């Protein structure tokens, strides 16, 4: 499901970017596409003798006893930083820009929208390299 969701969001991202409108949504769809691509690549995840089939199973297990739980987004950032460091910079930028774009009165430049598409493509390129080895 994650890969199909990623592809769906990516299609929406490109469609919106080509329209020249809704730059805030270009960034948002790029971020969520990247998130789903990364989670698809990361899971199932083996840590020691535990295997987590999905991000949600990992999150529930790893954060079960933490009083001040990190958000699911923060947890994804941490996993990407640890497991896919070549994607970390791009993913963190998409995350931060997505959350900024949603609260900036829709004033997002086309340059930022183009950068979001570029960073999504960079993540996909890194993931494709991993899968080719």
C-alpha atoms as a PDB file:
ATOM      1  CA  UNK A   1       0.000   0.000   0.000  1.00  0.00           C
ATOM      2  CA  UNK A   2       2.748   2.490   0.864  1.00  0.00           C
ATOM      3  CA  UNK A   3       4.304   2.438  -2.604  1.00  0.00           C
ATOM      4  CA  UNK A   4       0.965   2.971  -4.350  1.00  0.00           C
ATOM      5  CA  UNK A   5       0.203   5.793  -1.933  1.00  0.00           C
ATOM      6  CA  UNK A   6       3.617   7.321  -2.652  1.00  0.00           C
ATOM      7  CA  UNK A   7       3.032   7.110  -6.397  1.00  0.00           C
ATOM      8  CA  UNK A   8      -0.430   8.647  -6.057  1.00  0.00           C
ATOM      9  CA  UNK A   9       0.937  11.590  -4.069  1.00  0.00           C
ATOM     10  CA  UNK A  10       3.805  11.983  -6.522  1.00  0.00           C
ATOM     11  CA  UNK A  11       1.398  12.172  -9.467  1.00  0.00           C
ATOM     12  CA  UNK A  12      -0.597  14.843  -7.636  1.00  0.00           C
ATOM     13  CA  UNK A  13       2.632  16.696  -6.861  1.00  0.00           C
ATOM     14  CA  UNK A  14       3.684  16.812 -10.516  1.00  0.00           C
ATOM     15  CA  UNK A  15       0.195  17.764 -11.660  1.00  0.00           C
ATOM     16  CA  UNK A  16       0.019  20.634  -9.191  1.00  0.00           C
ATOM     17  CA  UNK A  17       3.547  21.788  -9.970  1.00  0.00           C
ATOM     18  CA  UNK A  18       2.806  21.887 -13.701  1.00  0.00           C
ATOM     19  CA  UNK A  19      -0.307  23.954 -13.043  1.00  0.00           C
ATOM     20  CA  UNK A  20       1.782  26.725 -11.484  1.00  0.00           C
ATOM     21  CA  UNK A  21      -0.783  27.059  -8.708  1.00  0.00           C
ATOM     22  CA  UNK A  22      -1.032  25.700  -5.200  1.00  0.00           C
ATOM     23  CA  UNK A  23       2.678  25.651  -4.464  1.00  0.00           C
ATOM     24  CA  UNK A  24       1.869  24.868  -0.847  1.00  0.00           C
ATOM     25  CA  UNK A  25       0.239  21.633  -2.024  1.00  0.00           C
ATOM     26  CA  UNK A  26       3.187  20.813  -4.296  1.00  0.00           C
ATOM     27  CA  UNK A  27       5.389  20.795  -1.202  1.00  0.00           C
ATOM     28  CA  UNK A  28       2.817  18.911   0.865  1.00  0.00           C
ATOM     29  CA  UNK A  29       2.314  16.167  -1.715  1.00  0.00           C
ATOM     30  CA  UNK A  30       6.085  15.898  -2.279  1.00  0.00           C
ATOM     31  CA  UNK A  31       6.610  15.423   1.453  1.00  0.00           C
ATOM     32  CA  UNK A  32       3.927  12.774   1.852  1.00  0.00           C
ATOM     33  CA  UNK A  33       5.087  10.983  -1.276  1.00  0.00           C
ATOM     34  CA  UNK A  34       8.640  10.908   0.109  1.00  0.00           C
ATOM     35  CA  UNK A  35       7.384   9.687   3.486  1.00  0.00           C
ATOM     36  CA  UNK A  36       5.544   6.758   1.899  1.00  0.00           C
ATOM     37  CA  UNK A  37       8.458   5.860  -0.391  1.00  0.00           C
ATOM     38  CA  UNK A  38      10.833   5.864   2.579  1.00  0.00           C
ATOM     39  CA  UNK A  39       8.547   3.827   4.806  1.00  0.00           C
ATOM     40  CA  UNK A  40       8.017   1.368   1.967  1.00  0.00           C
ATOM     41  CA  UNK A  41      11.796   0.975   1.675  1.00  0.00           C
ATOM     42  CA  UNK A  42      12.413   0.718   5.418  1.00  0.00           C
ATOM     43  CA  UNK A  43       9.771  -1.862   6.312  1.00  0.00           C
ATOM     44  CA  UNK A  44       9.793  -4.618   7.204  1.00  0.00           C
ATOM     45  CA  UNK A  45      12.549  -3.489   9.553  1.00  0.00           C
ATOM     46  CA  UNK A  46      14.702  -5.888  11.527  1.00  0.00           C
ATOM     47  CA  UNK A  47      16.250  -4.664  14.760  1.00  0.00           C
ATOM     48  CA  UNK A  48      18.023  -7.341  16.736  1.00  0.00           C
ATOM     49  CA  UNK A  49      15.657 -10.275  16.991  1.00  0.00           C
ATOM     50  CA  UNK A  50      12.562  -8.153  16.352  1.00  0.00           C
ATOM     51  CA  UNK A  51      10.966  -7.645  12.948  1.00  0.00           C
ATOM     52  CA  UNK A  52       8.547  -4.798  12.433  1.00  0.00           C
ATOM     53  CA  UNK A  53       6.241  -5.333   9.477  1.00  0.00           C
ATOM     54  CA  UNK A  54       5.150  -1.719   9.259  1.00  0.00           C
ATOM     55  CA  UNK A  55       5.941   1.733  10.536  1.00  0.00           C
ATOM     56  CA  UNK A  56       2.883   1.615  12.792  1.00  0.00           C
ATOM     57  CA  UNK A  57       4.001  -1.630  14.437  1.00  0.00           C
ATOM     58  CA  UNK A  58       7.455  -0.119  14.968  1.00  0.00           C
ATOM     59  CA  UNK A  59       6.012   3.083  16.408  1.00  0.00           C
ATOM     60  CA  UNK A  60       3.632   1.269  18.750  1.00  0.00           C
ATOM     61  CA  UNK A  61       6.369  -1.024  20.024  1.00  0.00           C
ATOM     62  CA  UNK A  62       9.211   1.468  20.309  1.00  0.00           C
ATOM     63  CA  UNK A  63       7.173   4.307  21.813  1.00  0.00           C
ATOM     64  CA  UNK A  64       4.928   2.240  24.072  1.00  0.00           C
ATOM     65  CA  UNK A  65       6.657   3.161  27.328  1.00  0.00           C
ATOM     66  CA  UNK A  66       7.741   6.693  26.529  1.00  0.00           C
ATOM     67  CA  UNK A  67       5.797   9.305  28.483  1.00  0.00           C
ATOM     68  CA  UNK A  68       6.537  12.158  26.103  1.00  0.00           C
ATOM     69  CA  UNK A  69       6.203  10.279  22.824  1.00  0.00           C
ATOM     70  CA  UNK A  70       7.806  11.733  19.729  1.00  0.00           C
ATOM     71  CA  UNK A  71       5.395  12.354  16.877  1.00  0.00           C
ATOM     72  CA  UNK A  72       5.155   9.827  14.081  1.00  0.00           C
ATOM     73  CA  UNK A  73       6.788  12.393  11.810  1.00  0.00           C
ATOM     74  CA  UNK A  74       9.694  12.877  14.218  1.00  0.00           C
ATOM     75  CA  UNK A  75      10.064   9.120  14.541  1.00  0.00           C
ATOM     76  CA  UNK A  76      10.223   8.789  10.754  1.00  0.00           C
ATOM     77  CA  UNK A  77      12.908  11.501  10.637  1.00  0.00           C
ATOM     78  CA  UNK A  78      14.951   9.577  13.209  1.00  0.00           C
ATOM     79  CA  UNK A  79      14.673   6.282  11.299  1.00  0.00           C
ATOM     80  CA  UNK A  80      15.616   7.950   8.012  1.00  0.00           C
ATOM     81  CA  UNK A  81      18.578   9.662   9.669  1.00  0.00           C
ATOM     82  CA  UNK A  82      19.807   6.329  11.034  1.00  0.00           C
ATOM     83  CA  UNK A  83      18.888   3.890   8.252  1.00  0.00           C
ATOM     84  CA  UNK A  84      18.915   6.035   5.088  1.00  0.00           C
ATOM     85  CA  UNK A  85      21.323   8.890   5.824  1.00  0.00           C
ATOM     86  CA  UNK A  86      21.677   9.838   2.141  1.00  0.00           C
ATOM     87  CA  UNK A  87      17.983  10.740   2.140  1.00  0.00           C
ATOM     88  CA  UNK A  88      17.978  12.546   5.469  1.00  0.00           C
ATOM     89  CA  UNK A  89      18.755  16.083   4.275  1.00  0.00           C
ATOM     90  CA  UNK A  90      16.111  15.962   1.543  1.00  0.00           C
ATOM     91  CA  UNK A  91      13.460  14.410   3.759  1.00  0.00           C
ATOM     92  CA  UNK A  92      14.041  16.821   6.626  1.00  0.00           C
ATOM     93  CA  UNK A  93      13.791  19.789   4.250  1.00  0.00           C
ATOM     94  CA  UNK A  94      10.515  18.453   2.800  1.00  0.00           C
ATOM     95  CA  UNK A  95       9.168  17.876   6.316  1.00  0.00           C
ATOM     96  CA  UNK A  96      10.067  21.355   7.530  1.00  0.00           C
ATOM     97  CA  UNK A  97       8.846  23.101   4.380  1.00  0.00           C
ATOM     98  CA  UNK A  98       5.583  21.144   4.380  1.00  0.00           C
ATOM     99  CA  UNK A  99       4.754  22.230   7.890  1.00  0.00           C
ATOM    100  CA  UNK A 100       5.765  25.809   7.094  1.00  0.00           C
ATOM    101  CA  UNK A 101       3.825  25.915   3.796  1.00  0.00           C
ATOM    102  CA  UNK A 102       0.614  24.922   5.495  1.00  0.00           C
ATOM    103  CA  UNK A 103       0.728  27.992   7.714  1.00  0.00           C
ATOM    104  CA  UNK A 104       2.133  30.652   5.386  1.00  0.00           C
ATOM    105  CA  UNK A 105      -1.132  31.944   3.929  1.00  0.00           C
ATOM    106  CA  UNK A 106      -0.380  30.003   0.754  1.00  0.00           C
ATOM    107  CA  UNK A 107       2.582  32.276  -0.034  1.00  0.00           C
ATOM    108  CA  UNK A 108       5.001  29.660  -1.315  1.00  0.00           C
ATOM    109  CA  UNK A 109       7.247  30.517  -4.242  1.00  0.00           C
ATOM    110  CA  UNK A 110       7.456  28.407  -7.367  1.00  0.00           C
ATOM    111  CA  UNK A 111      11.184  28.024  -6.639  1.00  0.00           C
ATOM    112  CA  UNK A 112      10.367  26.250  -3.373  1.00  0.00           C
ATOM    113  CA  UNK A 113       7.803  24.080  -5.129  1.00  0.00           C
ATOM    114  CA  UNK A 114      10.402  23.137  -7.748  1.00  0.00           C
ATOM    115  CA  UNK A 115      12.904  22.375  -4.987  1.00  0.00           C
ATOM    116  CA  UNK A 116      10.373  20.072  -3.329  1.00  0.00           C
ATOM    117  CA  UNK A 117       9.989  18.123  -6.578  1.00  0.00           C
ATOM    118  CA  UNK A 118      13.779  17.997  -6.947  1.00  0.00           C
ATOM    119  CA  UNK A 119      14.226  16.677  -3.402  1.00  0.00           C
ATOM    120  CA  UNK A 120      11.524  14.057  -3.894  1.00  0.00           C
ATOM    121  CA  UNK A 121      13.383  12.922  -7.018  1.00  0.00           C
ATOM    122  CA  UNK A 122      16.656  12.859  -5.068  1.00  0.00           C
ATOM    123  CA  UNK A 123      15.102  10.554  -2.484  1.00  0.00           C
ATOM    124  CA  UNK A 124      13.770   8.275  -5.206  1.00  0.00           C
ATOM    125  CA  UNK A 125      17.209   8.211  -6.867  1.00  0.00           C
ATOM    126  CA  UNK A 126      18.884   7.148  -3.611  1.00  0.00           C
ATOM    127  CA  UNK A 127      16.264   4.463  -3.016  1.00  0.00           C
ATOM    128  CA  UNK A 128      16.684   3.140  -6.572  1.00  0.00           C
ATOM    129  CA  UNK A 129      20.450   2.885  -6.041  1.00  0.00           C
ATOM    130  CA  UNK A 130      19.857   0.837  -2.898  1.00  0.00           C
ATOM    131  CA  UNK A 131      17.534  -1.523  -4.745  1.00  0.00           C
ATOM    132  CA  UNK A 132      19.969  -2.011  -7.631  1.00  0.00           C
ATOM    133  CA  UNK A 133      22.684  -3.382  -5.370  1.00  0.00           C
END
